[in-house]
Amino acid sequence: PGADKEVLTEEQQMIEAIYLGLRMTAGIDLVGFKAKFGIDFIKAFKPLITDLAERNYMAVKNNGCALSRKGRAYLDSITSMFVIRDVSDT
């Protein structure tokens, strides 16, 4: 028992949190993300978030960063934009 469990690295957990958060209507919980990973999501991804917001794919509000309906149509592509960024330097 327990031998089949997969242990995720912190980076893998962060990727999961981003992917799952972007799938939810409320988006990524910015306070929870910082508490769990010690990274300010908005600061770490500011250029990307700004670009996506300007193109109406994403919005930041109420301590959440969420995809718009238009953005959710491109969930996998948008998620990969966050994942390929190296946040270890932030």
PDB file of N, CA and C in Angstrom:
ATOM      1  N   PRO A   1       0.831  -1.199   0.000  1.00  0.00           N
ATOM      2  CA  PRO A   1       0.000   0.000   0.000  1.00  0.00           C
ATOM      3  C   PRO A   1       0.866   1.249   0.000  1.00  0.00           C
ATOM      4  N   GLY A   2       0.504   2.194  -0.855  1.00  0.00           N
ATOM      5  CA  GLY A   2       1.263   3.431  -0.919  1.00  0.00           C
ATOM      6  C   GLY A   2       2.404   3.382  -1.908  1.00  0.00           C
ATOM      7  N   ALA A   3       2.783   2.193  -2.347  1.00  0.00           N
ATOM      8  CA  ALA A   3       3.902   2.071  -3.270  1.00  0.00           C
ATOM      9  C   ALA A   3       3.565   2.620  -4.651  1.00  0.00           C
ATOM     10  N   ASP A   4       2.290   2.666  -4.972  1.00  0.00           N
ATOM     11  CA  ASP A   4       1.872   3.147  -6.282  1.00  0.00           C
ATOM     12  C   ASP A   4       1.682   4.662  -6.327  1.00  0.00           C
ATOM     13  N   LYS A   5       1.872   5.328  -5.205  1.00  0.00           N
ATOM     14  CA  LYS A   5       1.660   6.773  -5.163  1.00  0.00           C
ATOM     15  C   LYS A   5       2.793   7.503  -5.870  1.00  0.00           C
ATOM     16  N   GLU A   6       2.405   8.517  -6.644  1.00  0.00           N
ATOM     17  CA  GLU A   6       3.387   9.345  -7.334  1.00  0.00           C
ATOM     18  C   GLU A   6       3.690  10.561  -6.465  1.00  0.00           C
ATOM     19  N   VAL A   7       4.964  10.833  -6.265  1.00  0.00           N
ATOM     20  CA  VAL A   7       5.370  12.001  -5.496  1.00  0.00           C
ATOM     21  C   VAL A   7       5.779  13.080  -6.489  1.00  0.00           C
ATOM     22  N   LEU A   8       5.073  14.199  -6.433  1.00  0.00           N
ATOM     23  CA  LEU A   8       5.350  15.294  -7.359  1.00  0.00           C
ATOM     24  C   LEU A   8       6.364  16.262  -6.765  1.00  0.00           C
ATOM     25  N   THR A   9       7.255  16.745  -7.609  1.00  0.00           N
ATOM     26  CA  THR A   9       8.186  17.781  -7.174  1.00  0.00           C
ATOM     27  C   THR A   9       7.397  19.076  -6.977  1.00  0.00           C
ATOM     28  N   GLU A  10       8.021  20.059  -6.364  1.00  0.00           N
ATOM     29  CA  GLU A  10       7.337  21.341  -6.169  1.00  0.00           C
ATOM     30  C   GLU A  10       6.996  21.979  -7.517  1.00  0.00           C
ATOM     31  N   GLU A  11       7.892  21.849  -8.476  1.00  0.00           N
ATOM     32  CA  GLU A  11       7.625  22.403  -9.809  1.00  0.00           C
ATOM     33  C   GLU A  11       6.425  21.705 -10.450  1.00  0.00           C
ATOM     34  N   GLN A  12       6.348  20.387 -10.315  1.00  0.00           N
ATOM     35  CA  GLN A  12       5.206  19.650 -10.858  1.00  0.00           C
ATOM     36  C   GLN A  12       3.910  20.051 -10.156  1.00  0.00           C
ATOM     37  N   GLN A  13       3.985  20.270  -8.843  1.00  0.00           N
ATOM     38  CA  GLN A  13       2.806  20.710  -8.097  1.00  0.00           C
ATOM     39  C   GLN A  13       2.357  22.089  -8.574  1.00  0.00           C
ATOM     40  N   MET A  14       3.318  22.955  -8.878  1.00  0.00           N
ATOM     41  CA  MET A  14       3.001  24.292  -9.359  1.00  0.00           C
ATOM     42  C   MET A  14       2.316  24.213 -10.725  1.00  0.00           C
ATOM     43  N   ILE A  15       2.831  23.370 -11.601  1.00  0.00           N
ATOM     44  CA  ILE A  15       2.230  23.183 -12.921  1.00  0.00           C
ATOM     45  C   ILE A  15       0.798  22.675 -12.773  1.00  0.00           C
ATOM     46  N   GLU A  16       0.597  21.709 -11.887  1.00  0.00           N
ATOM     47  CA  GLU A  16      -0.751  21.187 -11.631  1.00  0.00           C
ATOM     48  C   GLU A  16      -1.672  22.283 -11.119  1.00  0.00           C
ATOM     49  N   ALA A  17      -1.168  23.106 -10.201  1.00  0.00           N
ATOM     50  CA  ALA A  17      -1.984  24.189  -9.634  1.00  0.00           C
ATOM     51  C   ALA A  17      -2.379  25.191 -10.717  1.00  0.00           C
ATOM     52  N   ILE A  18      -1.463  25.493 -11.612  1.00  0.00           N
ATOM     53  CA  ILE A  18      -1.760  26.417 -12.708  1.00  0.00           C
ATOM     54  C   ILE A  18      -2.803  25.801 -13.635  1.00  0.00           C
ATOM     55  N   TYR A  19      -2.578  24.564 -14.035  1.00  0.00           N
ATOM     56  CA  TYR A  19      -3.502  23.909 -14.960  1.00  0.00           C
ATOM     57  C   TYR A  19      -4.896  23.779 -14.358  1.00  0.00           C
ATOM     58  N   LEU A  20      -4.964  23.303 -13.128  1.00  0.00           N
ATOM     59  CA  LEU A  20      -6.273  23.137 -12.489  1.00  0.00           C
ATOM     60  C   LEU A  20      -6.934  24.482 -12.229  1.00  0.00           C
ATOM     61  N   GLY A  21      -6.153  25.458 -11.805  1.00  0.00           N
ATOM     62  CA  GLY A  21      -6.710  26.781 -11.544  1.00  0.00           C
ATOM     63  C   GLY A  21      -7.286  27.423 -12.789  1.00  0.00           C
ATOM     64  N   LEU A  22      -6.578  27.297 -13.904  1.00  0.00           N
ATOM     65  CA  LEU A  22      -7.057  27.902 -15.142  1.00  0.00           C
ATOM     66  C   LEU A  22      -8.300  27.198 -15.679  1.00  0.00           C
ATOM     67  N   ARG A  23      -8.500  25.960 -15.292  1.00  0.00           N
ATOM     68  CA  ARG A  23      -9.705  25.235 -15.719  1.00  0.00           C
ATOM     69  C   ARG A  23     -10.941  25.693 -14.957  1.00  0.00           C
ATOM     70  N   MET A  24     -10.737  26.260 -13.785  1.00  0.00           N
ATOM     71  CA  MET A  24     -11.865  26.673 -12.949  1.00  0.00           C
ATOM     72  C   MET A  24     -12.313  28.086 -13.314  1.00  0.00           C
ATOM     73  N   THR A  25     -13.612  28.332 -13.196  1.00  0.00           N
ATOM     74  CA  THR A  25     -14.165  29.647 -13.503  1.00  0.00           C
ATOM     75  C   THR A  25     -13.549  30.731 -12.629  1.00  0.00           C
ATOM     76  N   ALA A  26     -13.315  30.425 -11.348  1.00  0.00           N
ATOM     77  CA  ALA A  26     -12.732  31.403 -10.419  1.00  0.00           C
ATOM     78  C   ALA A  26     -11.256  31.653 -10.714  1.00  0.00           C
ATOM     79  N   GLY A  27     -10.629  30.727 -11.401  1.00  0.00           N
ATOM     80  CA  GLY A  27      -9.224  30.884 -11.765  1.00  0.00           C
ATOM     81  C   GLY A  27      -8.263  30.472 -10.663  1.00  0.00           C
ATOM     82  N   ILE A  28      -7.043  30.917 -10.795  1.00  0.00           N
ATOM     83  CA  ILE A  28      -5.984  30.603  -9.836  1.00  0.00           C
ATOM     84  C   ILE A  28      -6.147  31.504  -8.624  1.00  0.00           C
ATOM     85  N   ASP A  29      -6.169  30.897  -7.457  1.00  0.00           N
ATOM     86  CA  ASP A  29      -6.248  31.647  -6.195  1.00  0.00           C
ATOM     87  C   ASP A  29      -4.868  32.247  -5.941  1.00  0.00           C
ATOM     88  N   LEU A  30      -4.749  33.545  -6.137  1.00  0.00           N
ATOM     89  CA  LEU A  30      -3.443  34.202  -6.050  1.00  0.00           C
ATOM     90  C   LEU A  30      -2.854  34.164  -4.648  1.00  0.00           C
ATOM     91  N   VAL A  31      -3.693  34.309  -3.638  1.00  0.00           N
ATOM     92  CA  VAL A  31      -3.224  34.259  -2.249  1.00  0.00           C
ATOM     93  C   VAL A  31      -2.766  32.838  -1.914  1.00  0.00           C
ATOM     94  N   GLY A  32      -3.561  31.857  -2.288  1.00  0.00           N
ATOM     95  CA  GLY A  32      -3.217  30.459  -2.030  1.00  0.00           C
ATOM     96  C   GLY A  32      -1.960  30.028  -2.769  1.00  0.00           C
ATOM     97  N   PHE A  33      -1.796  30.506  -3.995  1.00  0.00           N
ATOM     98  CA  PHE A  33      -0.620  30.166  -4.796  1.00  0.00           C
ATOM     99  C   PHE A  33       0.641  30.686  -4.118  1.00  0.00           C
ATOM    100  N   LYS A  34       0.582  31.940  -3.662  1.00  0.00           N
ATOM    101  CA  LYS A  34       1.752  32.524  -2.986  1.00  0.00           C
ATOM    102  C   LYS A  34       2.035  31.805  -1.670  1.00  0.00           C
ATOM    103  N   ALA A  35       0.987  31.462  -0.930  1.00  0.00           N
ATOM    104  CA  ALA A  35       1.169  30.764   0.345  1.00  0.00           C
ATOM    105  C   ALA A  35       1.793  29.386   0.134  1.00  0.00           C
ATOM    106  N   LYS A  36       1.370  28.695  -0.901  1.00  0.00           N
ATOM    107  CA  LYS A  36       1.865  27.335  -1.136  1.00  0.00           C
ATOM    108  C   LYS A  36       3.260  27.304  -1.751  1.00  0.00           C
ATOM    109  N   PHE A  37       3.515  28.199  -2.719  1.00  0.00           N
ATOM    110  CA  PHE A  37       4.771  28.122  -3.465  1.00  0.00           C
ATOM    111  C   PHE A  37       5.748  29.259  -3.180  1.00  0.00           C
ATOM    112  N   GLY A  38       5.304  30.282  -2.450  1.00  0.00           N
ATOM    113  CA  GLY A  38       6.182  31.408  -2.145  1.00  0.00           C
ATOM    114  C   GLY A  38       6.482  32.279  -3.350  1.00  0.00           C
ATOM    115  N   ILE A  39       5.618  32.220  -4.353  1.00  0.00           N
ATOM    116  CA  ILE A  39       5.813  32.984  -5.585  1.00  0.00           C
ATOM    117  C   ILE A  39       4.586  33.845  -5.831  1.00  0.00           C
ATOM    118  N   ASP A  40       4.834  35.109  -6.127  1.00  0.00           N
ATOM    119  CA  ASP A  40       3.758  36.018  -6.508  1.00  0.00           C
ATOM    120  C   ASP A  40       3.440  35.726  -7.974  1.00  0.00           C
ATOM    121  N   PHE A  41       2.306  35.073  -8.215  1.00  0.00           N
ATOM    122  CA  PHE A  41       1.935  34.628  -9.555  1.00  0.00           C
ATOM    123  C   PHE A  41       1.901  35.789 -10.551  1.00  0.00           C
ATOM    124  N   ILE A  42       1.292  36.900 -10.150  1.00  0.00           N
ATOM    125  CA  ILE A  42       1.177  38.056 -11.043  1.00  0.00           C
ATOM    126  C   ILE A  42       2.553  38.614 -11.391  1.00  0.00           C
ATOM    127  N   LYS A  43       3.415  38.733 -10.396  1.00  0.00           N
ATOM    128  CA  LYS A  43       4.761  39.266 -10.635  1.00  0.00           C
ATOM    129  C   LYS A  43       5.575  38.304 -11.511  1.00  0.00           C
ATOM    130  N   ALA A  44       5.461  37.019 -11.248  1.00  0.00           N
ATOM    131  CA  ALA A  44       6.239  36.023 -11.986  1.00  0.00           C
ATOM    132  C   ALA A  44       5.843  35.951 -13.462  1.00  0.00           C
ATOM    133  N   PHE A  45       4.572  36.181 -13.744  1.00  0.00           N
ATOM    134  CA  PHE A  45       4.071  36.023 -15.111  1.00  0.00           C
ATOM    135  C   PHE A  45       3.496  37.317 -15.692  1.00  0.00           C
ATOM    136  N   LYS A  46       3.904  38.452 -15.153  1.00  0.00           N
ATOM    137  CA  LYS A  46       3.301  39.743 -15.540  1.00  0.00           C
ATOM    138  C   LYS A  46       3.236  39.985 -17.049  1.00  0.00           C
ATOM    139  N   PRO A  47       4.327  39.821 -17.806  1.00  0.00           N
ATOM    140  CA  PRO A  47       4.235  40.086 -19.253  1.00  0.00           C
ATOM    141  C   PRO A  47       3.206  39.186 -19.953  1.00  0.00           C
ATOM    142  N   LEU A  48       3.184  37.926 -19.583  1.00  0.00           N
ATOM    143  CA  LEU A  48       2.243  36.986 -20.197  1.00  0.00           C
ATOM    144  C   LEU A  48       0.807  37.316 -19.803  1.00  0.00           C
ATOM    145  N   ILE A  49       0.580  37.578 -18.526  1.00  0.00           N
ATOM    146  CA  ILE A  49      -0.764  37.917 -18.051  1.00  0.00           C
ATOM    147  C   ILE A  49      -1.247  39.206 -18.718  1.00  0.00           C
ATOM    148  N   THR A  50      -0.375  40.195 -18.816  1.00  0.00           N
ATOM    149  CA  THR A  50      -0.736  41.460 -19.466  1.00  0.00           C
ATOM    150  C   THR A  50      -1.133  41.227 -20.921  1.00  0.00           C
ATOM    151  N   ASP A  51      -0.347  40.435 -21.627  1.00  0.00           N
ATOM    152  CA  ASP A  51      -0.638  40.132 -23.028  1.00  0.00           C
ATOM    153  C   ASP A  51      -1.980  39.410 -23.168  1.00  0.00           C
ATOM    154  N   LEU A  52      -2.201  38.402 -22.337  1.00  0.00           N
ATOM    155  CA  LEU A  52      -3.455  37.643 -22.407  1.00  0.00           C
ATOM    156  C   LEU A  52      -4.652  38.513 -22.042  1.00  0.00           C
ATOM    157  N   ALA A  53      -4.483  39.386 -21.064  1.00  0.00           N
ATOM    158  CA  ALA A  53      -5.574  40.283 -20.659  1.00  0.00           C
ATOM    159  C   ALA A  53      -5.898  41.280 -21.770  1.00  0.00           C
ATOM    160  N   GLU A  54      -4.868  41.812 -22.412  1.00  0.00           N
ATOM    161  CA  GLU A  54      -5.088  42.767 -23.502  1.00  0.00           C
ATOM    162  C   GLU A  54      -5.824  42.130 -24.677  1.00  0.00           C
ATOM    163  N   ARG A  55      -5.643  40.820 -24.848  1.00  0.00           N
ATOM    164  CA  ARG A  55      -6.322  40.111 -25.938  1.00  0.00           C
ATOM    165  C   ARG A  55      -7.636  39.467 -25.472  1.00  0.00           C
ATOM    166  N   ASN A  56      -8.054  39.819 -24.261  1.00  0.00           N
ATOM    167  CA  ASN A  56      -9.317  39.323 -23.683  1.00  0.00           C
ATOM    168  C   ASN A  56      -9.369  37.810 -23.492  1.00  0.00           C
ATOM    169  N   TYR A  57      -8.219  37.209 -23.201  1.00  0.00           N
ATOM    170  CA  TYR A  57      -8.170  35.786 -22.884  1.00  0.00           C
ATOM    171  C   TYR A  57      -8.171  35.547 -21.374  1.00  0.00           C
ATOM    172  N   MET A  58      -7.832  36.574 -20.596  1.00  0.00           N
ATOM    173  CA  MET A  58      -7.648  36.407 -19.160  1.00  0.00           C
ATOM    174  C   MET A  58      -8.006  37.695 -18.437  1.00  0.00           C
ATOM    175  N   ALA A  59      -8.408  37.538 -17.168  1.00  0.00           N
ATOM    176  CA  ALA A  59      -8.674  38.702 -16.319  1.00  0.00           C
ATOM    177  C   ALA A  59      -8.178  38.410 -14.912  1.00  0.00           C
ATOM    178  N   VAL A  60      -7.724  39.459 -14.231  1.00  0.00           N
ATOM    179  CA  VAL A  60      -7.313  39.346 -12.835  1.00  0.00           C
ATOM    180  C   VAL A  60      -8.305  40.151 -12.018  1.00  0.00           C
ATOM    181  N   LYS A  61      -8.977  39.477 -11.077  1.00  0.00           N
ATOM    182  CA  LYS A  61      -9.935  40.166 -10.211  1.00  0.00           C
ATOM    183  C   LYS A  61     -10.215  39.326  -8.978  1.00  0.00           C
ATOM    184  N   ASN A  62     -10.549  40.008  -7.900  1.00  0.00           N
ATOM    185  CA  ASN A  62     -10.910  39.335  -6.643  1.00  0.00           C
ATOM    186  C   ASN A  62      -9.895  38.281  -6.219  1.00  0.00           C
ATOM    187  N   ASN A  63      -8.617  38.614  -6.250  1.00  0.00           N
ATOM    188  CA  ASN A  63      -7.545  37.692  -5.854  1.00  0.00           C
ATOM    189  C   ASN A  63      -7.518  36.414  -6.679  1.00  0.00           C
ATOM    190  N   GLY A  64      -8.008  36.501  -7.911  1.00  0.00           N
ATOM    191  CA  GLY A  64      -7.976  35.354  -8.807  1.00  0.00           C
ATOM    192  C   GLY A  64      -7.497  35.769 -10.186  1.00  0.00           C
ATOM    193  N   CYS A  65      -6.888  34.845 -10.867  1.00  0.00           N
ATOM    194  CA  CYS A  65      -6.436  35.060 -12.234  1.00  0.00           C
ATOM    195  C   CYS A  65      -7.135  33.993 -13.065  1.00  0.00           C
ATOM    196  N   ALA A  66      -8.108  34.415 -13.882  1.00  0.00           N
ATOM    197  CA  ALA A  66      -8.965  33.455 -14.570  1.00  0.00           C
ATOM    198  C   ALA A  66      -9.001  33.698 -16.070  1.00  0.00           C
ATOM    199  N   LEU A  67      -9.236  32.627 -16.793  1.00  0.00           N
ATOM    200  CA  LEU A  67      -9.426  32.735 -18.227  1.00  0.00           C
ATOM    201  C   LEU A  67     -10.843  33.212 -18.515  1.00  0.00           C
ATOM    202  N   SER A  68     -10.978  33.967 -19.565  1.00  0.00           N
ATOM    203  CA  SER A  68     -12.300  34.366 -20.042  1.00  0.00           C
ATOM    204  C   SER A  68     -12.894  33.174 -20.805  1.00  0.00           C
ATOM    205  N   ARG A  69     -14.122  33.322 -21.238  1.00  0.00           N
ATOM    206  CA  ARG A  69     -14.727  32.264 -22.058  1.00  0.00           C
ATOM    207  C   ARG A  69     -13.874  32.044 -23.312  1.00  0.00           C
ATOM    208  N   LYS A  70     -13.436  33.135 -23.911  1.00  0.00           N
ATOM    209  CA  LYS A  70     -12.568  33.066 -25.093  1.00  0.00           C
ATOM    210  C   LYS A  70     -11.267  32.334 -24.756  1.00  0.00           C
ATOM    211  N   GLY A  71     -10.685  32.647 -23.599  1.00  0.00           N
ATOM    212  CA  GLY A  71      -9.442  32.015 -23.181  1.00  0.00           C
ATOM    213  C   GLY A  71      -9.594  30.534 -22.890  1.00  0.00           C
ATOM    214  N   ARG A  72     -10.730  30.147 -22.298  1.00  0.00           N
ATOM    215  CA  ARG A  72     -10.954  28.731 -21.985  1.00  0.00           C
ATOM    216  C   ARG A  72     -10.984  27.865 -23.239  1.00  0.00           C
ATOM    217  N   ALA A  73     -11.333  28.458 -24.379  1.00  0.00           N
ATOM    218  CA  ALA A  73     -11.321  27.713 -25.640  1.00  0.00           C
ATOM    219  C   ALA A  73      -9.892  27.307 -26.023  1.00  0.00           C
ATOM    220  N   TYR A  74      -8.914  28.000 -25.458  1.00  0.00           N
ATOM    221  CA  TYR A  74      -7.502  27.728 -25.751  1.00  0.00           C
ATOM    222  C   TYR A  74      -6.747  27.305 -24.490  1.00  0.00           C
ATOM    223  N   LEU A  75      -7.440  26.639 -23.585  1.00  0.00           N
ATOM    224  CA  LEU A  75      -6.883  26.254 -22.283  1.00  0.00           C
ATOM    225  C   LEU A  75      -5.512  25.595 -22.393  1.00  0.00           C
ATOM    226  N   ASP A  76      -5.396  24.561 -23.203  1.00  0.00           N
ATOM    227  CA  ASP A  76      -4.132  23.828 -23.279  1.00  0.00           C
ATOM    228  C   ASP A  76      -2.992  24.703 -23.797  1.00  0.00           C
ATOM    229  N   SER A  77      -3.264  25.487 -24.813  1.00  0.00           N
ATOM    230  CA  SER A  77      -2.221  26.362 -25.365  1.00  0.00           C
ATOM    231  C   SER A  77      -1.794  27.419 -24.358  1.00  0.00           C
ATOM    232  N   ILE A  78      -2.768  28.020 -23.690  1.00  0.00           N
ATOM    233  CA  ILE A  78      -2.454  29.065 -22.710  1.00  0.00           C
ATOM    234  C   ILE A  78      -1.716  28.474 -21.517  1.00  0.00           C
ATOM    235  N   THR A  79      -2.163  27.318 -21.045  1.00  0.00           N
ATOM    236  CA  THR A  79      -1.484  26.666 -19.921  1.00  0.00           C
ATOM    237  C   THR A  79      -0.030  26.388 -20.277  1.00  0.00           C
ATOM    238  N   SER A  80       0.215  25.925 -21.492  1.00  0.00           N
ATOM    239  CA  SER A  80       1.594  25.621 -21.883  1.00  0.00           C
ATOM    240  C   SER A  80       2.463  26.874 -21.889  1.00  0.00           C
ATOM    241  N   MET A  81       1.863  28.038 -22.143  1.00  0.00           N
ATOM    242  CA  MET A  81       2.634  29.290 -22.094  1.00  0.00           C
ATOM    243  C   MET A  81       3.169  29.550 -20.688  1.00  0.00           C
ATOM    244  N   PHE A  82       2.379  29.204 -19.677  1.00  0.00           N
ATOM    245  CA  PHE A  82       2.817  29.383 -18.292  1.00  0.00           C
ATOM    246  C   PHE A  82       3.838  28.317 -17.913  1.00  0.00           C
ATOM    247  N   VAL A  83       3.616  27.101 -18.364  1.00  0.00           N
ATOM    248  CA  VAL A  83       4.457  25.976 -17.959  1.00  0.00           C
ATOM    249  C   VAL A  83       5.865  26.080 -18.528  1.00  0.00           C
ATOM    250  N   ILE A  84       6.011  26.593 -19.742  1.00  0.00           N
ATOM    251  CA  ILE A  84       7.351  26.644 -20.337  1.00  0.00           C
ATOM    252  C   ILE A  84       8.220  27.745 -19.744  1.00  0.00           C
ATOM    253  N   ARG A  85       7.597  28.665 -19.022  1.00  0.00           N
ATOM    254  CA  ARG A  85       8.367  29.720 -18.341  1.00  0.00           C
ATOM    255  C   ARG A  85       9.113  29.103 -17.164  1.00  0.00           C
ATOM    256  N   ASP A  86      10.302  29.544 -16.920  1.00  0.00           N
ATOM    257  CA  ASP A  86      11.083  29.072 -15.778  1.00  0.00           C
ATOM    258  C   ASP A  86      10.833  30.017 -14.611  1.00  0.00           C
ATOM    259  N   VAL A  87      10.059  29.547 -13.632  1.00  0.00           N
ATOM    260  CA  VAL A  87       9.747  30.400 -12.485  1.00  0.00           C
ATOM    261  C   VAL A  87      10.714  30.178 -11.326  1.00  0.00           C
ATOM    262  N   SER A  88      11.694  29.326 -11.506  1.00  0.00           N
ATOM    263  CA  SER A  88      12.619  29.050 -10.409  1.00  0.00           C
ATOM    264  C   SER A  88      13.481  30.262 -10.064  1.00  0.00           C
ATOM    265  N   ASP A  89      13.593  31.208 -10.980  1.00  0.00           N
ATOM    266  CA  ASP A  89      14.405  32.400 -10.728  1.00  0.00           C
ATOM    267  C   ASP A  89      13.621  33.528 -10.073  1.00  0.00           C
ATOM    268  N   THR A  90      12.303  33.349  -9.899  1.00  0.00           N
ATOM    269  CA  THR A  90      11.476  34.430  -9.350  1.00  0.00           C
ATOM    270  C   THR A  90      11.526  34.457  -7.850  1.00  0.00           C
TER     271      THR A  90
END
